[in-house]
Amino acid sequence: MPVTDTLPAADDLLHPIDVVEALAQRHEWAFDRLADDQIAMEVEGQWRRYAITLAWSAGDETLRLICTFAIEPPAHRGEDLLRLLNGVNERCWDGAFTYWAEQGLMVWRYGLVLDGGEMASTAQIDRMIAAAVAGCERFYPAFQLVSWSDQSAEAALGVAIGRTYGRA
């Protein structure tokens, strides 16, 4: 049964983060409503647990999703990691990765612009979260290979493209 069959329509909710909270409850994800316009949750993947934060900016009319996981490669692998990030992002249509070295986090980012008072549907938000987890699952092995082996960025990218990893 699709998740949207059991959740209220977006029009019935007052705020995009209310939709996210309803999804988190339906999926039984651990979550914390940090503020009226922000929610954080944890989603279990095949490779690891991902921290996901969604925040609503009324001024920009944008629902921002950030999905993170810890990865702290040795300093000498930094250049290869950046090459890998470029290759990965060329293959991503629905978001992009960045590496926050100071925090030791790989970050998937996406912003859904809802101009003119548009509301995000439950299905759209569910898809955003699923895409974030699927992207992290797909490329996690490549990030690990570049970080902790002598693999080149190109070889590691081939691993991610050669097989489908995980589930959303």
N, C-alpha and C. Protein backbone atom coordinates (compact mmCIF):
# COMPACT_ATOMS: atom_id res chain seq x y z
N MET A 1 0.84 -1.17 0.00
CA MET A 1 0.00 0.00 0.00
C MET A 1 0.89 1.24 0.00
N PRO A 2 0.67 2.18 -0.93
CA PRO A 2 1.47 3.40 -0.93
C PRO A 2 1.25 4.20 0.34
N VAL A 3 2.29 4.87 0.77
CA VAL A 3 2.21 5.68 1.98
C VAL A 3 1.13 6.74 1.86
N THR A 4 0.96 7.29 0.67
CA THR A 4 0.01 8.38 0.50
C THR A 4 -1.44 7.96 0.71
N ASP A 5 -1.73 6.65 0.67
CA ASP A 5 -3.09 6.19 0.88
C ASP A 5 -3.56 6.39 2.32
N THR A 6 -2.65 6.51 3.24
CA THR A 6 -3.04 6.58 4.65
C THR A 6 -2.72 7.92 5.29
N LEU A 7 -2.26 8.88 4.51
CA LEU A 7 -1.91 10.17 5.06
C LEU A 7 -2.87 11.24 4.54
N PRO A 8 -3.05 12.31 5.31
CA PRO A 8 -3.90 13.39 4.83
C PRO A 8 -3.28 14.07 3.61
N ALA A 9 -4.12 14.64 2.78
CA ALA A 9 -3.62 15.40 1.63
C ALA A 9 -2.88 16.62 2.14
N ALA A 10 -1.93 17.10 1.34
CA ALA A 10 -1.14 18.27 1.74
C ALA A 10 -2.03 19.46 2.03
N ASP A 11 -3.13 19.59 1.28
CA ASP A 11 -4.03 20.72 1.49
C ASP A 11 -4.69 20.69 2.87
N ASP A 12 -4.78 19.50 3.47
CA ASP A 12 -5.39 19.37 4.78
C ASP A 12 -4.43 19.74 5.90
N LEU A 13 -3.16 19.89 5.59
CA LEU A 13 -2.15 20.24 6.58
C LEU A 13 -1.79 21.71 6.43
N LEU A 14 -1.39 22.33 7.52
CA LEU A 14 -1.13 23.76 7.51
C LEU A 14 0.28 24.12 7.09
N HIS A 15 1.19 23.18 7.13
CA HIS A 15 2.59 23.51 6.96
C HIS A 15 3.33 22.33 6.31
N PRO A 16 4.32 22.60 5.43
CA PRO A 16 5.06 21.49 4.81
C PRO A 16 5.72 20.55 5.82
N ILE A 17 6.16 21.09 6.94
CA ILE A 17 6.80 20.24 7.95
C ILE A 17 5.78 19.33 8.62
N ASP A 18 4.50 19.74 8.65
CA ASP A 18 3.44 18.85 9.14
C ASP A 18 3.33 17.61 8.26
N VAL A 19 3.49 17.80 6.95
CA VAL A 19 3.45 16.68 6.02
C VAL A 19 4.62 15.74 6.31
N VAL A 20 5.80 16.31 6.51
CA VAL A 20 6.99 15.50 6.82
C VAL A 20 6.78 14.74 8.12
N GLU A 21 6.24 15.38 9.12
CA GLU A 21 6.01 14.72 10.40
C GLU A 21 5.04 13.55 10.24
N ALA A 22 3.98 13.75 9.46
CA ALA A 22 3.03 12.66 9.22
C ALA A 22 3.71 11.49 8.52
N LEU A 23 4.59 11.79 7.56
CA LEU A 23 5.34 10.72 6.88
C LEU A 23 6.25 9.99 7.85
N ALA A 24 6.96 10.73 8.68
CA ALA A 24 7.86 10.11 9.65
C ALA A 24 7.09 9.18 10.60
N GLN A 25 5.93 9.62 11.03
CA GLN A 25 5.11 8.77 11.90
C GLN A 25 4.66 7.52 11.16
N ARG A 26 4.23 7.68 9.91
CA ARG A 26 3.74 6.54 9.12
C ARG A 26 4.84 5.51 8.88
N HIS A 27 6.06 6.00 8.60
CA HIS A 27 7.19 5.10 8.35
C HIS A 27 7.84 4.59 9.63
N GLU A 28 7.39 5.13 10.76
CA GLU A 28 7.95 4.79 12.08
C GLU A 28 9.44 5.13 12.17
N TRP A 29 9.80 6.31 11.60
CA TRP A 29 11.15 6.82 11.72
C TRP A 29 11.27 7.62 13.01
N ALA A 30 12.40 7.50 13.67
CA ALA A 30 12.66 8.35 14.83
C ALA A 30 12.79 9.79 14.33
N PHE A 31 12.08 10.72 14.95
CA PHE A 31 12.15 12.10 14.50
C PHE A 31 12.02 13.05 15.68
N ASP A 32 12.44 14.28 15.43
CA ASP A 32 12.33 15.35 16.42
C ASP A 32 11.92 16.61 15.70
N ARG A 33 10.80 17.17 16.09
CA ARG A 33 10.34 18.45 15.52
C ARG A 33 11.13 19.54 16.22
N LEU A 34 12.17 20.04 15.56
CA LEU A 34 13.08 21.00 16.17
C LEU A 34 12.47 22.38 16.34
N ALA A 35 11.59 22.74 15.42
CA ALA A 35 10.90 24.03 15.44
C ALA A 35 9.68 23.89 14.54
N ASP A 36 8.88 24.93 14.46
CA ASP A 36 7.71 24.88 13.59
C ASP A 36 8.10 24.62 12.14
N ASP A 37 9.29 25.09 11.75
CA ASP A 37 9.70 25.00 10.36
C ASP A 37 10.86 24.03 10.12
N GLN A 38 11.12 23.12 11.07
CA GLN A 38 12.25 22.21 10.91
C GLN A 38 12.00 20.89 11.65
N ILE A 39 12.40 19.79 10.99
CA ILE A 39 12.27 18.47 11.57
C ILE A 39 13.53 17.66 11.23
N ALA A 40 13.96 16.86 12.16
CA ALA A 40 15.11 15.97 11.95
C ALA A 40 14.65 14.55 12.20
N MET A 41 15.21 13.62 11.42
CA MET A 41 14.82 12.21 11.57
C MET A 41 16.00 11.32 11.20
N GLU A 42 15.85 10.06 11.54
CA GLU A 42 16.83 9.05 11.16
C GLU A 42 16.14 7.99 10.33
N VAL A 43 16.80 7.62 9.22
CA VAL A 43 16.26 6.61 8.32
C VAL A 43 17.32 5.53 8.15
N GLU A 44 16.92 4.31 8.36
CA GLU A 44 17.83 3.17 8.24
C GLU A 44 17.95 2.76 6.78
N GLY A 45 19.19 2.68 6.31
CA GLY A 45 19.46 2.18 4.97
C GLY A 45 20.13 0.82 5.06
N GLN A 46 20.53 0.29 3.92
CA GLN A 46 21.25 -0.98 3.90
C GLN A 46 22.66 -0.80 4.45
N TRP A 47 23.31 0.30 4.09
CA TRP A 47 24.70 0.51 4.48
C TRP A 47 24.84 1.15 5.85
N ARG A 48 23.89 2.01 6.21
CA ARG A 48 24.00 2.72 7.48
C ARG A 48 22.72 3.49 7.78
N ARG A 49 22.72 4.19 8.88
CA ARG A 49 21.60 5.05 9.26
C ARG A 49 21.93 6.47 8.80
N TYR A 50 20.95 7.12 8.18
CA TYR A 50 21.13 8.46 7.65
C TYR A 50 20.36 9.48 8.48
N ALA A 51 20.98 10.61 8.73
CA ALA A 51 20.33 11.71 9.43
C ALA A 51 19.74 12.64 8.37
N ILE A 52 18.45 12.90 8.48
CA ILE A 52 17.76 13.73 7.49
C ILE A 52 17.11 14.90 8.22
N THR A 53 17.33 16.08 7.69
CA THR A 53 16.69 17.28 8.21
C THR A 53 15.96 17.96 7.07
N LEU A 54 14.71 18.33 7.33
CA LEU A 54 13.96 19.12 6.38
C LEU A 54 13.58 20.43 7.06
N ALA A 55 13.74 21.52 6.33
CA ALA A 55 13.44 22.84 6.87
C ALA A 55 12.66 23.64 5.83
N TRP A 56 11.68 24.38 6.31
CA TRP A 56 10.86 25.22 5.45
C TRP A 56 11.29 26.66 5.61
N SER A 57 11.57 27.33 4.50
CA SER A 57 11.88 28.76 4.49
C SER A 57 10.73 29.48 3.81
N ALA A 58 9.89 30.13 4.60
CA ALA A 58 8.73 30.83 4.04
C ALA A 58 9.16 31.97 3.12
N GLY A 59 10.23 32.66 3.46
CA GLY A 59 10.71 33.76 2.64
C GLY A 59 11.14 33.31 1.26
N ASP A 60 11.80 32.17 1.18
CA ASP A 60 12.26 31.62 -0.10
C ASP A 60 11.24 30.68 -0.72
N GLU A 61 10.22 30.32 0.04
CA GLU A 61 9.22 29.33 -0.37
C GLU A 61 9.90 28.04 -0.84
N THR A 62 10.83 27.58 -0.01
CA THR A 62 11.62 26.40 -0.34
C THR A 62 11.63 25.42 0.82
N LEU A 63 11.40 24.15 0.49
CA LEU A 63 11.55 23.06 1.45
C LEU A 63 12.91 22.44 1.18
N ARG A 64 13.82 22.58 2.13
CA ARG A 64 15.19 22.10 1.96
C ARG A 64 15.36 20.78 2.70
N LEU A 65 15.98 19.82 2.01
CA LEU A 65 16.30 18.53 2.59
C LEU A 65 17.81 18.38 2.63
N ILE A 66 18.31 17.95 3.79
CA ILE A 66 19.72 17.63 3.94
C ILE A 66 19.79 16.23 4.56
N CYS A 67 20.52 15.34 3.89
CA CYS A 67 20.71 13.97 4.36
C CYS A 67 22.21 13.78 4.56
N THR A 68 22.62 13.36 5.75
CA THR A 68 24.05 13.26 6.05
C THR A 68 24.43 11.89 6.59
N PHE A 69 25.71 11.59 6.40
CA PHE A 69 26.33 10.46 7.08
C PHE A 69 27.79 10.80 7.30
N ALA A 70 28.33 10.25 8.39
CA ALA A 70 29.71 10.54 8.77
C ALA A 70 30.68 9.78 7.88
N ILE A 71 31.72 10.48 7.48
CA ILE A 71 32.82 9.88 6.74
C ILE A 71 34.02 10.81 6.91
N GLU A 72 35.08 10.28 7.43
CA GLU A 72 36.26 11.11 7.70
C GLU A 72 37.50 10.47 7.07
N PRO A 73 37.66 10.69 5.77
CA PRO A 73 38.80 10.07 5.09
C PRO A 73 40.12 10.71 5.53
N PRO A 74 41.20 9.97 5.41
CA PRO A 74 42.50 10.56 5.71
C PRO A 74 42.76 11.75 4.78
N ALA A 75 43.51 12.71 5.26
CA ALA A 75 43.76 13.94 4.52
C ALA A 75 44.34 13.68 3.13
N HIS A 76 45.16 12.65 3.01
CA HIS A 76 45.79 12.41 1.71
C HIS A 76 44.80 11.90 0.65
N ARG A 77 43.58 11.56 1.03
CA ARG A 77 42.56 11.09 0.08
C ARG A 77 41.59 12.20 -0.34
N GLY A 78 41.82 13.41 0.19
CA GLY A 78 40.91 14.52 -0.07
C GLY A 78 40.74 14.87 -1.54
N GLU A 79 41.83 14.90 -2.28
CA GLU A 79 41.75 15.24 -3.70
C GLU A 79 40.95 14.19 -4.47
N ASP A 80 41.17 12.91 -4.17
CA ASP A 80 40.40 11.85 -4.83
C ASP A 80 38.93 11.92 -4.46
N LEU A 81 38.64 12.26 -3.20
CA LEU A 81 37.25 12.39 -2.78
C LEU A 81 36.56 13.52 -3.56
N LEU A 82 37.24 14.63 -3.75
CA LEU A 82 36.65 15.73 -4.52
C LEU A 82 36.42 15.34 -5.98
N ARG A 83 37.36 14.61 -6.57
CA ARG A 83 37.16 14.11 -7.94
C ARG A 83 35.94 13.18 -8.00
N LEU A 84 35.82 12.33 -6.99
CA LEU A 84 34.66 11.43 -6.94
C LEU A 84 33.37 12.23 -6.81
N LEU A 85 33.35 13.23 -5.95
CA LEU A 85 32.15 14.06 -5.79
C LEU A 85 31.73 14.68 -7.11
N ASN A 86 32.68 15.17 -7.88
CA ASN A 86 32.35 15.75 -9.19
C ASN A 86 31.72 14.70 -10.10
N GLY A 87 32.29 13.51 -10.14
CA GLY A 87 31.75 12.43 -10.96
C GLY A 87 30.36 11.99 -10.50
N VAL A 88 30.18 11.90 -9.20
CA VAL A 88 28.88 11.52 -8.64
C VAL A 88 27.83 12.56 -9.00
N ASN A 89 28.15 13.83 -8.78
CA ASN A 89 27.16 14.89 -9.01
C ASN A 89 26.78 15.02 -10.48
N GLU A 90 27.67 14.64 -11.39
CA GLU A 90 27.31 14.64 -12.81
C GLU A 90 26.22 13.62 -13.09
N ARG A 91 26.07 12.63 -12.23
CA ARG A 91 25.10 11.56 -12.44
C ARG A 91 23.83 11.72 -11.60
N CYS A 92 23.76 12.77 -10.82
CA CYS A 92 22.59 13.01 -9.95
C CYS A 92 21.68 14.07 -10.58
N TRP A 93 20.42 13.74 -10.70
CA TRP A 93 19.46 14.67 -11.27
C TRP A 93 18.60 15.35 -10.20
N ASP A 94 18.45 14.72 -9.07
CA ASP A 94 17.48 15.21 -8.09
C ASP A 94 18.12 15.65 -6.77
N GLY A 95 19.34 16.12 -6.84
CA GLY A 95 20.05 16.60 -5.65
C GLY A 95 21.53 16.58 -5.94
N ALA A 96 22.32 16.92 -4.93
CA ALA A 96 23.77 16.94 -5.11
C ALA A 96 24.45 16.66 -3.77
N PHE A 97 25.64 16.08 -3.87
CA PHE A 97 26.46 15.80 -2.70
C PHE A 97 27.48 16.91 -2.50
N THR A 98 27.83 17.12 -1.26
CA THR A 98 28.95 17.96 -0.89
C THR A 98 29.58 17.33 0.34
N TYR A 99 30.82 17.69 0.60
CA TYR A 99 31.51 17.15 1.77
C TYR A 99 31.81 18.29 2.73
N TRP A 100 31.33 18.17 3.95
CA TRP A 100 31.62 19.15 5.00
C TRP A 100 32.77 18.60 5.83
N ALA A 101 33.98 18.96 5.44
CA ALA A 101 35.19 18.40 6.06
C ALA A 101 35.27 18.71 7.55
N GLU A 102 34.91 19.91 7.94
CA GLU A 102 35.01 20.30 9.35
C GLU A 102 34.16 19.41 10.25
N GLN A 103 32.99 19.01 9.76
CA GLN A 103 32.09 18.14 10.53
C GLN A 103 32.31 16.67 10.21
N GLY A 104 33.07 16.35 9.17
CA GLY A 104 33.28 14.96 8.76
C GLY A 104 32.00 14.34 8.24
N LEU A 105 31.23 15.11 7.45
CA LEU A 105 29.94 14.63 6.96
C LEU A 105 29.85 14.70 5.44
N MET A 106 29.34 13.63 4.85
CA MET A 106 28.93 13.66 3.46
C MET A 106 27.48 14.11 3.48
N VAL A 107 27.13 15.02 2.59
CA VAL A 107 25.83 15.67 2.64
C VAL A 107 25.15 15.61 1.27
N TRP A 108 23.92 15.12 1.27
CA TRP A 108 23.05 15.16 0.10
C TRP A 108 22.11 16.33 0.30
N ARG A 109 22.01 17.23 -0.68
CA ARG A 109 21.16 18.42 -0.53
C ARG A 109 20.18 18.52 -1.69
N TYR A 110 18.99 18.99 -1.34
CA TYR A 110 17.96 19.22 -2.35
C TYR A 110 17.00 20.28 -1.82
N GLY A 111 16.55 21.15 -2.70
CA GLY A 111 15.57 22.16 -2.33
C GLY A 111 14.38 22.10 -3.27
N LEU A 112 13.19 21.99 -2.70
CA LEU A 112 11.96 21.99 -3.47
C LEU A 112 11.34 23.39 -3.38
N VAL A 113 11.36 24.12 -4.49
CA VAL A 113 10.82 25.48 -4.52
C VAL A 113 9.32 25.39 -4.75
N LEU A 114 8.57 26.04 -3.87
CA LEU A 114 7.11 26.02 -3.93
C LEU A 114 6.62 27.46 -4.08
N ASP A 115 6.82 28.01 -5.24
CA ASP A 115 6.55 29.41 -5.51
C ASP A 115 5.05 29.72 -5.49
N GLY A 116 4.72 30.91 -5.03
CA GLY A 116 3.35 31.39 -5.10
C GLY A 116 2.38 30.69 -4.18
N GLY A 117 2.87 30.18 -3.05
CA GLY A 117 1.98 29.54 -2.09
C GLY A 117 1.63 28.10 -2.42
N GLU A 118 2.31 27.51 -3.39
CA GLU A 118 2.08 26.10 -3.72
C GLU A 118 2.41 25.24 -2.50
N MET A 119 1.75 24.09 -2.41
CA MET A 119 2.01 23.15 -1.33
C MET A 119 2.64 21.89 -1.91
N ALA A 120 3.58 21.33 -1.18
CA ALA A 120 4.18 20.05 -1.57
C ALA A 120 3.21 18.94 -1.20
N SER A 121 3.05 18.00 -2.09
CA SER A 121 2.18 16.86 -1.79
C SER A 121 2.94 15.87 -0.93
N THR A 122 2.18 15.02 -0.28
CA THR A 122 2.77 13.95 0.51
C THR A 122 3.65 13.08 -0.38
N ALA A 123 3.20 12.79 -1.58
CA ALA A 123 3.97 11.97 -2.51
C ALA A 123 5.29 12.64 -2.89
N GLN A 124 5.27 13.96 -3.11
CA GLN A 124 6.50 14.68 -3.45
C GLN A 124 7.52 14.60 -2.32
N ILE A 125 7.06 14.83 -1.10
CA ILE A 125 7.98 14.81 0.03
C ILE A 125 8.49 13.41 0.29
N ASP A 126 7.63 12.41 0.17
CA ASP A 126 8.04 11.02 0.33
C ASP A 126 9.11 10.69 -0.72
N ARG A 127 8.91 11.16 -1.94
CA ARG A 127 9.88 10.93 -3.03
C ARG A 127 11.20 11.64 -2.75
N MET A 128 11.16 12.85 -2.21
CA MET A 128 12.38 13.58 -1.85
C MET A 128 13.23 12.77 -0.88
N ILE A 129 12.58 12.27 0.15
CA ILE A 129 13.28 11.50 1.18
C ILE A 129 13.81 10.20 0.60
N ALA A 130 12.98 9.51 -0.18
CA ALA A 130 13.40 8.25 -0.80
C ALA A 130 14.58 8.48 -1.75
N ALA A 131 14.56 9.57 -2.51
CA ALA A 131 15.66 9.87 -3.44
C ALA A 131 16.95 10.16 -2.69
N ALA A 132 16.85 10.86 -1.57
CA ALA A 132 18.04 11.16 -0.77
C ALA A 132 18.67 9.87 -0.25
N VAL A 133 17.85 9.00 0.31
CA VAL A 133 18.38 7.74 0.85
C VAL A 133 18.92 6.88 -0.28
N ALA A 134 18.21 6.81 -1.40
CA ALA A 134 18.67 6.00 -2.53
C ALA A 134 20.00 6.52 -3.08
N GLY A 135 20.15 7.83 -3.16
CA GLY A 135 21.41 8.41 -3.62
C GLY A 135 22.55 8.09 -2.68
N CYS A 136 22.32 8.21 -1.40
CA CYS A 136 23.35 7.88 -0.41
C CYS A 136 23.70 6.40 -0.47
N GLU A 137 22.69 5.55 -0.58
CA GLU A 137 22.94 4.12 -0.65
C GLU A 137 23.72 3.75 -1.91
N ARG A 138 23.37 4.37 -3.02
CA ARG A 138 24.02 4.06 -4.29
C ARG A 138 25.51 4.41 -4.26
N PHE A 139 25.84 5.56 -3.70
CA PHE A 139 27.22 6.05 -3.78
C PHE A 139 28.04 5.81 -2.52
N TYR A 140 27.42 5.33 -1.45
CA TYR A 140 28.16 5.08 -0.22
C TYR A 140 29.37 4.17 -0.44
N PRO A 141 29.23 3.03 -1.17
CA PRO A 141 30.40 2.18 -1.38
C PRO A 141 31.54 2.91 -2.11
N ALA A 142 31.20 3.77 -3.05
CA ALA A 142 32.23 4.52 -3.77
C ALA A 142 32.95 5.48 -2.84
N PHE A 143 32.21 6.17 -1.98
CA PHE A 143 32.83 7.08 -1.02
C PHE A 143 33.76 6.31 -0.07
N GLN A 144 33.33 5.14 0.34
CA GLN A 144 34.15 4.32 1.22
C GLN A 144 35.43 3.85 0.52
N LEU A 145 35.28 3.39 -0.73
CA LEU A 145 36.45 2.92 -1.47
C LEU A 145 37.50 4.02 -1.64
N VAL A 146 37.06 5.20 -2.02
CA VAL A 146 38.02 6.30 -2.21
C VAL A 146 38.63 6.71 -0.87
N SER A 147 37.84 6.68 0.17
CA SER A 147 38.34 7.12 1.47
C SER A 147 39.33 6.15 2.09
N TRP A 148 39.09 4.86 1.95
CA TRP A 148 39.83 3.89 2.74
C TRP A 148 40.62 2.86 1.95
N SER A 149 40.76 3.08 0.65
CA SER A 149 41.58 2.17 -0.15
C SER A 149 42.42 3.00 -1.11
N ASP A 150 43.13 2.32 -1.96
CA ASP A 150 43.93 3.00 -2.97
C ASP A 150 43.17 3.17 -4.27
N GLN A 151 41.87 2.92 -4.25
CA GLN A 151 41.06 3.04 -5.47
C GLN A 151 41.02 4.48 -5.96
N SER A 152 41.06 4.64 -7.26
CA SER A 152 40.90 5.97 -7.86
C SER A 152 39.43 6.36 -7.81
N ALA A 153 39.17 7.63 -8.00
CA ALA A 153 37.79 8.12 -8.06
C ALA A 153 37.04 7.44 -9.20
N GLU A 154 37.70 7.27 -10.33
CA GLU A 154 37.07 6.66 -11.51
C GLU A 154 36.70 5.20 -11.23
N ALA A 155 37.59 4.45 -10.61
CA ALA A 155 37.30 3.06 -10.29
C ALA A 155 36.17 2.94 -9.27
N ALA A 156 36.18 3.80 -8.27
CA ALA A 156 35.13 3.78 -7.25
C ALA A 156 33.78 4.15 -7.86
N LEU A 157 33.77 5.10 -8.76
CA LEU A 157 32.54 5.49 -9.43
C LEU A 157 31.99 4.33 -10.26
N GLY A 158 32.87 3.56 -10.85
CA GLY A 158 32.44 2.38 -11.60
C GLY A 158 31.71 1.37 -10.75
N VAL A 159 32.09 1.26 -9.49
CA VAL A 159 31.39 0.36 -8.56
C VAL A 159 29.97 0.83 -8.35
N ALA A 160 29.78 2.13 -8.16
CA ALA A 160 28.45 2.67 -7.92
C ALA A 160 27.56 2.57 -9.15
N ILE A 161 28.14 2.72 -10.31
CA ILE A 161 27.35 2.65 -11.54
C ILE A 161 27.09 1.21 -11.94
N GLY A 162 28.00 0.32 -11.63
CA GLY A 162 27.91 -1.07 -12.05
C GLY A 162 26.82 -1.85 -11.37
N ARG A 163 26.43 -1.46 -10.18
CA ARG A 163 25.42 -2.21 -9.43
C ARG A 163 24.45 -1.25 -8.78
N THR A 164 23.26 -1.75 -8.49
CA THR A 164 22.29 -0.98 -7.71
C THR A 164 22.42 -1.41 -6.26
N TYR A 165 22.63 -0.44 -5.38
CA TYR A 165 22.80 -0.72 -3.97
C TYR A 165 21.61 -0.20 -3.18
N GLY A 166 21.23 -0.94 -2.17
CA GLY A 166 20.27 -0.45 -1.18
C GLY A 166 18.84 -0.39 -1.64
N ARG A 167 18.07 0.28 -0.81
CA ARG A 167 16.65 0.47 -1.06
C ARG A 167 16.23 1.78 -0.40
N ALA A 168 15.18 2.36 -0.89
CA ALA A 168 14.70 3.62 -0.32
C ALA A 168 13.50 3.39 0.56
